[in-house]
Amino acid sequence: MVAASIWSLLIPAMEESSSLGRLAFLPAVIGFWIGTLFLFALDKLIPHLHLNAEKAEGPRSSFQRTTMMLLAVTIHNIPEGMAVGVVYAGMLTGDAGLSLGAALALSIGIAIQNFSGRGDYFLCPCTQTDRINIRLS
């Protein structure tokens, strides 16, 4: 995700602001920090529950566990959705110099990154008990 952010978002943003000369980095840096602060605020303001966590994060609420898990997934997917949207918008306007291949590469990269980080869950077509035994052995 770091590579996708740098090559598909930050560098194109700096290239688009090349008319600012030595300050061409400024819009990308400002946008990066606004996005970071926005996600930090969402993390603090929205009650959510992470996988295998017993205690919810954010303000106290009477939401059910499933609702808080849904909110956690939503918070996680906001930057990914915005990245894909920005790249496709840049491609469609034609001003950003982004090709369909670049937009598809970012979309596929984000999709692959969303697969389970533990290969035994993704690759093993076995039962839950077998998966546990594979991980333990």
N, C-alpha and C. Protein backbone atom coordinates (compact mmCIF):
# COMPACT_ATOMS: atom_id res chain seq x y z
N MET A 1 0.82 -1.19 0.00
CA MET A 1 0.00 0.00 0.00
C MET A 1 0.86 1.26 0.00
N VAL A 2 2.01 1.17 0.65
CA VAL A 2 2.90 2.33 0.65
C VAL A 2 3.38 2.62 -0.77
N ALA A 3 3.77 1.56 -1.48
CA ALA A 3 4.24 1.75 -2.86
C ALA A 3 3.12 2.29 -3.74
N ALA A 4 1.92 1.76 -3.59
CA ALA A 4 0.79 2.25 -4.39
C ALA A 4 0.51 3.71 -4.08
N SER A 5 0.61 4.08 -2.82
CA SER A 5 0.38 5.48 -2.45
C SER A 5 1.42 6.40 -3.05
N ILE A 6 2.66 5.97 -3.01
CA ILE A 6 3.74 6.83 -3.51
C ILE A 6 3.68 6.96 -5.02
N TRP A 7 3.68 5.82 -5.73
CA TRP A 7 3.80 5.88 -7.19
C TRP A 7 2.50 6.23 -7.90
N SER A 8 1.36 5.91 -7.30
CA SER A 8 0.10 6.17 -7.99
C SER A 8 -0.61 7.43 -7.50
N LEU A 9 -0.20 7.96 -6.37
CA LEU A 9 -0.89 9.14 -5.85
C LEU A 9 0.04 10.31 -5.58
N LEU A 10 1.06 10.11 -4.74
CA LEU A 10 1.90 11.23 -4.34
C LEU A 10 2.78 11.76 -5.46
N ILE A 11 3.46 10.88 -6.19
CA ILE A 11 4.31 11.35 -7.28
C ILE A 11 3.48 12.01 -8.39
N PRO A 12 2.35 11.41 -8.83
CA PRO A 12 1.53 12.13 -9.82
C PRO A 12 1.01 13.48 -9.30
N ALA A 13 0.72 13.57 -8.01
CA ALA A 13 0.26 14.85 -7.45
C ALA A 13 1.37 15.89 -7.53
N MET A 14 2.60 15.46 -7.25
CA MET A 14 3.72 16.40 -7.34
C MET A 14 4.00 16.79 -8.79
N GLU A 15 3.83 15.85 -9.72
CA GLU A 15 4.02 16.17 -11.13
C GLU A 15 2.97 17.15 -11.61
N GLU A 16 1.75 17.00 -11.13
CA GLU A 16 0.67 17.92 -11.51
C GLU A 16 0.92 19.33 -10.99
N SER A 17 1.64 19.44 -9.88
CA SER A 17 1.91 20.76 -9.31
C SER A 17 3.29 21.26 -9.69
N SER A 18 3.86 20.74 -10.75
CA SER A 18 5.22 21.15 -11.14
C SER A 18 5.31 22.64 -11.46
N SER A 19 4.19 23.27 -11.76
CA SER A 19 4.20 24.71 -12.04
C SER A 19 4.56 25.53 -10.81
N LEU A 20 4.50 24.90 -9.62
CA LEU A 20 4.86 25.60 -8.39
C LEU A 20 6.37 25.62 -8.15
N GLY A 21 7.11 24.97 -9.03
CA GLY A 21 8.56 24.97 -8.91
C GLY A 21 9.03 24.15 -7.72
N ARG A 22 9.83 24.79 -6.88
CA ARG A 22 10.39 24.08 -5.72
C ARG A 22 9.33 23.70 -4.70
N LEU A 23 8.16 24.28 -4.78
CA LEU A 23 7.07 23.97 -3.84
C LEU A 23 6.09 22.95 -4.41
N ALA A 24 6.48 22.23 -5.45
CA ALA A 24 5.59 21.26 -6.09
C ALA A 24 5.15 20.14 -5.14
N PHE A 25 5.93 19.89 -4.12
CA PHE A 25 5.59 18.85 -3.15
C PHE A 25 4.48 19.28 -2.20
N LEU A 26 4.26 20.58 -2.06
CA LEU A 26 3.37 21.11 -1.03
C LEU A 26 1.93 20.59 -1.12
N PRO A 27 1.26 20.61 -2.28
CA PRO A 27 -0.11 20.08 -2.32
C PRO A 27 -0.19 18.60 -1.91
N ALA A 28 0.80 17.81 -2.32
CA ALA A 28 0.80 16.39 -1.96
C ALA A 28 0.99 16.22 -0.45
N VAL A 29 1.89 16.98 0.14
CA VAL A 29 2.13 16.88 1.58
C VAL A 29 0.91 17.34 2.36
N ILE A 30 0.31 18.44 1.94
CA ILE A 30 -0.89 18.94 2.63
C ILE A 30 -2.03 17.93 2.51
N GLY A 31 -2.25 17.40 1.31
CA GLY A 31 -3.29 16.39 1.12
C GLY A 31 -3.03 15.14 1.93
N PHE A 32 -1.78 14.70 1.99
CA PHE A 32 -1.40 13.53 2.77
C PHE A 32 -1.76 13.74 4.25
N TRP A 33 -1.40 14.91 4.80
CA TRP A 33 -1.66 15.16 6.21
C TRP A 33 -3.14 15.39 6.50
N ILE A 34 -3.86 15.99 5.58
CA ILE A 34 -5.32 16.14 5.77
C ILE A 34 -5.97 14.76 5.82
N GLY A 35 -5.56 13.88 4.90
CA GLY A 35 -6.09 12.51 4.89
C GLY A 35 -5.74 11.74 6.14
N THR A 36 -4.50 11.90 6.60
CA THR A 36 -4.07 11.22 7.82
C THR A 36 -4.88 11.69 9.02
N LEU A 37 -5.06 12.99 9.15
CA LEU A 37 -5.83 13.53 10.27
C LEU A 37 -7.30 13.13 10.20
N PHE A 38 -7.84 13.08 8.96
CA PHE A 38 -9.23 12.66 8.77
C PHE A 38 -9.42 11.22 9.27
N LEU A 39 -8.51 10.33 8.88
CA LEU A 39 -8.63 8.93 9.32
C LEU A 39 -8.39 8.80 10.82
N PHE A 40 -7.48 9.57 11.38
CA PHE A 40 -7.26 9.55 12.81
C PHE A 40 -8.54 9.99 13.54
N ALA A 41 -9.19 11.03 13.03
CA ALA A 41 -10.44 11.50 13.65
C ALA A 41 -11.52 10.43 13.55
N LEU A 42 -11.64 9.78 12.40
CA LEU A 42 -12.63 8.70 12.27
C LEU A 42 -12.36 7.58 13.26
N ASP A 43 -11.08 7.24 13.42
CA ASP A 43 -10.70 6.18 14.35
C ASP A 43 -11.09 6.52 15.78
N LYS A 44 -11.01 7.78 16.14
CA LYS A 44 -11.34 8.20 17.50
C LYS A 44 -12.84 8.47 17.70
N LEU A 45 -13.55 8.87 16.63
CA LEU A 45 -14.95 9.29 16.77
C LEU A 45 -15.96 8.19 16.49
N ILE A 46 -15.56 7.15 15.78
CA ILE A 46 -16.50 6.09 15.41
C ILE A 46 -16.21 4.84 16.23
N PRO A 47 -17.20 4.34 16.95
CA PRO A 47 -16.97 3.10 17.71
C PRO A 47 -16.78 1.94 16.74
N HIS A 48 -15.72 1.16 16.94
CA HIS A 48 -15.46 0.03 16.05
C HIS A 48 -14.72 -1.05 16.80
N LEU A 49 -14.79 -2.26 16.27
CA LEU A 49 -14.20 -3.42 16.91
C LEU A 49 -13.32 -4.13 15.91
N HIS A 50 -12.09 -4.40 16.29
CA HIS A 50 -11.16 -5.13 15.42
C HIS A 50 -11.34 -6.63 15.59
N LEU A 51 -10.93 -7.38 14.59
CA LEU A 51 -11.04 -8.84 14.60
C LEU A 51 -10.33 -9.41 15.82
N ASN A 52 -10.97 -10.33 16.51
CA ASN A 52 -10.45 -11.01 17.70
C ASN A 52 -10.22 -10.08 18.88
N ALA A 53 -10.76 -8.88 18.85
CA ALA A 53 -10.63 -7.95 19.98
C ALA A 53 -11.84 -8.11 20.90
N GLU A 54 -11.61 -7.97 22.17
CA GLU A 54 -12.69 -8.06 23.14
C GLU A 54 -13.30 -6.69 23.43
N LYS A 55 -12.47 -5.66 23.36
CA LYS A 55 -12.90 -4.31 23.71
C LYS A 55 -12.93 -3.43 22.47
N ALA A 56 -14.00 -2.66 22.33
CA ALA A 56 -14.15 -1.77 21.19
C ALA A 56 -13.30 -0.52 21.35
N GLU A 57 -12.93 0.08 20.23
CA GLU A 57 -12.22 1.35 20.23
C GLU A 57 -13.21 2.46 19.93
N GLY A 58 -12.82 3.68 20.26
CA GLY A 58 -13.68 4.83 20.01
C GLY A 58 -14.61 5.07 21.18
N PRO A 59 -15.60 5.93 20.99
CA PRO A 59 -16.52 6.24 22.09
C PRO A 59 -17.39 5.04 22.46
N ARG A 60 -17.85 5.05 23.68
CA ARG A 60 -18.74 4.00 24.15
C ARG A 60 -20.05 4.04 23.35
N SER A 61 -20.56 2.86 23.02
CA SER A 61 -21.83 2.82 22.29
C SER A 61 -22.57 1.54 22.62
N SER A 62 -23.81 1.49 22.21
CA SER A 62 -24.62 0.29 22.43
C SER A 62 -24.72 -0.54 21.15
N PHE A 63 -23.84 -0.27 20.18
CA PHE A 63 -23.85 -1.03 18.93
C PHE A 63 -23.53 -2.49 19.21
N GLN A 64 -24.09 -3.36 18.36
CA GLN A 64 -23.76 -4.78 18.45
C GLN A 64 -22.35 -5.00 17.91
N ARG A 65 -21.78 -6.16 18.24
CA ARG A 65 -20.42 -6.49 17.78
C ARG A 65 -20.34 -6.48 16.25
N THR A 66 -21.36 -6.99 15.58
CA THR A 66 -21.31 -7.03 14.12
C THR A 66 -21.31 -5.63 13.52
N THR A 67 -22.06 -4.74 14.11
CA THR A 67 -22.09 -3.36 13.62
C THR A 67 -20.73 -2.70 13.80
N MET A 68 -20.10 -2.94 14.94
CA MET A 68 -18.78 -2.34 15.17
C MET A 68 -17.71 -2.97 14.28
N MET A 69 -17.83 -4.26 13.96
CA MET A 69 -16.90 -4.88 13.01
C MET A 69 -17.09 -4.26 11.62
N LEU A 70 -18.34 -4.05 11.24
CA LEU A 70 -18.64 -3.42 9.96
C LEU A 70 -18.04 -2.02 9.89
N LEU A 71 -18.15 -1.27 10.96
CA LEU A 71 -17.57 0.07 11.00
C LEU A 71 -16.04 0.02 10.90
N ALA A 72 -15.40 -0.97 11.52
CA ALA A 72 -13.95 -1.12 11.41
C ALA A 72 -13.53 -1.40 9.97
N VAL A 73 -14.27 -2.27 9.29
CA VAL A 73 -13.95 -2.57 7.89
C VAL A 73 -14.17 -1.33 7.02
N THR A 74 -15.22 -0.59 7.31
CA THR A 74 -15.49 0.64 6.56
C THR A 74 -14.37 1.65 6.72
N ILE A 75 -13.92 1.85 7.95
CA ILE A 75 -12.81 2.78 8.19
C ILE A 75 -11.58 2.32 7.43
N HIS A 76 -11.33 1.01 7.43
CA HIS A 76 -10.17 0.46 6.72
C HIS A 76 -10.26 0.70 5.21
N ASN A 77 -11.46 0.62 4.65
CA ASN A 77 -11.62 0.70 3.20
C ASN A 77 -11.75 2.12 2.65
N ILE A 78 -11.95 3.12 3.49
CA ILE A 78 -12.10 4.48 3.01
C ILE A 78 -10.88 4.95 2.22
N PRO A 79 -9.65 4.83 2.73
CA PRO A 79 -8.51 5.32 1.94
C PRO A 79 -8.31 4.54 0.66
N GLU A 80 -8.59 3.23 0.69
CA GLU A 80 -8.43 2.43 -0.52
C GLU A 80 -9.42 2.87 -1.59
N GLY A 81 -10.66 3.08 -1.19
CA GLY A 81 -11.67 3.53 -2.14
C GLY A 81 -11.37 4.90 -2.70
N MET A 82 -10.88 5.78 -1.83
CA MET A 82 -10.52 7.12 -2.30
C MET A 82 -9.35 7.07 -3.27
N ALA A 83 -8.37 6.21 -3.00
CA ALA A 83 -7.21 6.08 -3.89
C ALA A 83 -7.64 5.61 -5.27
N VAL A 84 -8.48 4.60 -5.31
CA VAL A 84 -8.96 4.09 -6.61
C VAL A 84 -9.78 5.16 -7.31
N GLY A 85 -10.65 5.84 -6.58
CA GLY A 85 -11.46 6.90 -7.18
C GLY A 85 -10.64 8.03 -7.76
N VAL A 86 -9.62 8.45 -7.03
CA VAL A 86 -8.76 9.54 -7.50
C VAL A 86 -8.00 9.13 -8.75
N VAL A 87 -7.48 7.91 -8.76
CA VAL A 87 -6.71 7.46 -9.93
C VAL A 87 -7.61 7.36 -11.16
N TYR A 88 -8.80 6.79 -11.00
CA TYR A 88 -9.71 6.69 -12.16
C TYR A 88 -10.19 8.07 -12.60
N ALA A 89 -10.44 8.97 -11.66
CA ALA A 89 -10.85 10.34 -12.03
C ALA A 89 -9.73 11.02 -12.80
N GLY A 90 -8.49 10.85 -12.34
CA GLY A 90 -7.35 11.43 -13.05
C GLY A 90 -7.20 10.85 -14.44
N MET A 91 -7.45 9.55 -14.57
CA MET A 91 -7.36 8.91 -15.88
C MET A 91 -8.46 9.43 -16.81
N LEU A 92 -9.67 9.56 -16.29
CA LEU A 92 -10.79 9.99 -17.13
C LEU A 92 -10.67 11.44 -17.58
N THR A 93 -10.10 12.30 -16.74
CA THR A 93 -9.94 13.69 -17.15
C THR A 93 -8.83 13.85 -18.17
N GLY A 94 -7.87 12.93 -18.14
CA GLY A 94 -6.78 12.98 -19.10
C GLY A 94 -5.72 14.01 -18.75
N ASP A 95 -5.95 14.82 -17.75
CA ASP A 95 -4.98 15.85 -17.37
C ASP A 95 -3.82 15.29 -16.55
N ALA A 96 -4.05 14.19 -15.85
CA ALA A 96 -3.04 13.68 -14.92
C ALA A 96 -2.01 12.78 -15.59
N GLY A 97 -2.22 12.44 -16.84
CA GLY A 97 -1.27 11.57 -17.52
C GLY A 97 -1.32 10.14 -17.02
N LEU A 98 -2.44 9.72 -16.46
CA LEU A 98 -2.59 8.36 -15.97
C LEU A 98 -3.23 7.49 -17.04
N SER A 99 -2.69 6.31 -17.22
CA SER A 99 -3.24 5.39 -18.22
C SER A 99 -4.22 4.44 -17.57
N LEU A 100 -4.98 3.75 -18.40
CA LEU A 100 -5.89 2.73 -17.90
C LEU A 100 -5.09 1.64 -17.20
N GLY A 101 -3.92 1.32 -17.73
CA GLY A 101 -3.06 0.31 -17.12
C GLY A 101 -2.65 0.69 -15.70
N ALA A 102 -2.31 1.96 -15.49
CA ALA A 102 -1.93 2.42 -14.15
C ALA A 102 -3.11 2.33 -13.20
N ALA A 103 -4.29 2.72 -13.67
CA ALA A 103 -5.49 2.65 -12.82
C ALA A 103 -5.83 1.20 -12.48
N LEU A 104 -5.73 0.31 -13.46
CA LEU A 104 -6.00 -1.10 -13.21
C LEU A 104 -4.96 -1.71 -12.29
N ALA A 105 -3.70 -1.32 -12.47
CA ALA A 105 -2.63 -1.85 -11.61
C ALA A 105 -2.89 -1.48 -10.14
N LEU A 106 -3.28 -0.24 -9.90
CA LEU A 106 -3.59 0.16 -8.53
C LEU A 106 -4.79 -0.61 -7.99
N SER A 107 -5.83 -0.75 -8.80
CA SER A 107 -7.03 -1.48 -8.37
C SER A 107 -6.71 -2.94 -8.05
N ILE A 108 -5.94 -3.58 -8.91
CA ILE A 108 -5.58 -4.98 -8.68
C ILE A 108 -4.67 -5.10 -7.46
N GLY A 109 -3.73 -4.16 -7.31
CA GLY A 109 -2.85 -4.19 -6.14
C GLY A 109 -3.62 -4.07 -4.84
N ILE A 110 -4.61 -3.20 -4.81
CA ILE A 110 -5.43 -3.04 -3.60
C ILE A 110 -6.27 -4.29 -3.37
N ALA A 111 -6.80 -4.86 -4.44
CA ALA A 111 -7.60 -6.09 -4.30
C ALA A 111 -6.76 -7.24 -3.75
N ILE A 112 -5.54 -7.40 -4.27
CA ILE A 112 -4.66 -8.48 -3.80
C ILE A 112 -4.29 -8.25 -2.33
N GLN A 113 -4.04 -7.04 -1.96
CA GLN A 113 -3.69 -6.71 -0.59
C GLN A 113 -4.81 -7.01 0.38
N ASN A 114 -6.04 -7.07 -0.11
CA ASN A 114 -7.17 -7.36 0.76
C ASN A 114 -7.37 -8.85 1.03
N PHE A 115 -6.63 -9.72 0.30
CA PHE A 115 -6.69 -11.14 0.63
C PHE A 115 -6.05 -11.35 1.99
N SER A 116 -6.37 -12.44 2.61
CA SER A 116 -5.84 -12.73 3.94
C SER A 116 -4.31 -12.70 3.94
N GLY A 117 -3.76 -12.11 4.98
CA GLY A 117 -2.31 -12.07 5.12
C GLY A 117 -1.73 -13.42 5.49
N ARG A 118 -2.59 -14.34 5.90
CA ARG A 118 -2.13 -15.68 6.26
C ARG A 118 -2.48 -16.60 5.11
N GLY A 119 -1.47 -17.04 4.40
CA GLY A 119 -1.67 -17.84 3.20
C GLY A 119 -2.45 -19.11 3.41
N ASP A 120 -2.36 -19.70 4.63
CA ASP A 120 -3.06 -20.97 4.85
C ASP A 120 -4.57 -20.80 4.75
N TYR A 121 -5.10 -19.62 5.06
CA TYR A 121 -6.54 -19.40 4.94
C TYR A 121 -6.95 -19.24 3.49
N PHE A 122 -6.10 -18.63 2.71
CA PHE A 122 -6.45 -18.36 1.31
C PHE A 122 -6.20 -19.57 0.42
N LEU A 123 -5.09 -20.26 0.66
CA LEU A 123 -4.68 -21.33 -0.24
C LEU A 123 -5.21 -22.70 0.14
N CYS A 124 -5.55 -22.90 1.38
CA CYS A 124 -5.94 -24.23 1.84
C CYS A 124 -7.45 -24.43 1.73
N PRO A 125 -7.90 -25.30 0.81
CA PRO A 125 -9.34 -25.56 0.70
C PRO A 125 -9.78 -26.63 1.69
N CYS A 126 -9.45 -26.46 2.95
CA CYS A 126 -9.74 -27.47 3.95
C CYS A 126 -10.65 -26.91 5.02
N THR A 127 -10.98 -27.74 6.00
CA THR A 127 -11.89 -27.31 7.06
C THR A 127 -11.16 -26.42 8.06
N GLN A 128 -11.92 -25.77 8.93
CA GLN A 128 -11.34 -24.89 9.94
C GLN A 128 -10.39 -25.67 10.84
N THR A 129 -10.75 -26.89 11.23
CA THR A 129 -9.88 -27.71 12.10
C THR A 129 -8.56 -28.00 11.40
N ASP A 130 -8.61 -28.34 10.10
CA ASP A 130 -7.39 -28.60 9.35
C ASP A 130 -6.53 -27.36 9.30
N ARG A 131 -7.12 -26.20 9.12
CA ARG A 131 -6.36 -24.95 9.06
C ARG A 131 -5.62 -24.70 10.37
N ILE A 132 -6.31 -24.96 11.49
CA ILE A 132 -5.68 -24.77 12.79
C ILE A 132 -4.50 -25.72 12.93
N ASN A 133 -4.68 -26.98 12.52
CA ASN A 133 -3.60 -27.96 12.62
C ASN A 133 -2.42 -27.58 11.72
N ILE A 134 -2.69 -27.03 10.54
CA ILE A 134 -1.62 -26.62 9.63
C ILE A 134 -0.82 -25.50 10.26
N ARG A 135 -1.51 -24.53 10.86
CA ARG A 135 -0.80 -23.40 11.47
C ARG A 135 0.04 -23.83 12.66
N LEU A 136 -0.45 -24.80 13.43
CA LEU A 136 0.26 -25.23 14.63
C LEU A 136 1.45 -26.12 14.30
N SER A 137 1.41 -26.80 13.17
CA SER A 137 2.51 -27.72 12.85
C SER A 137 3.64 -27.04 12.14
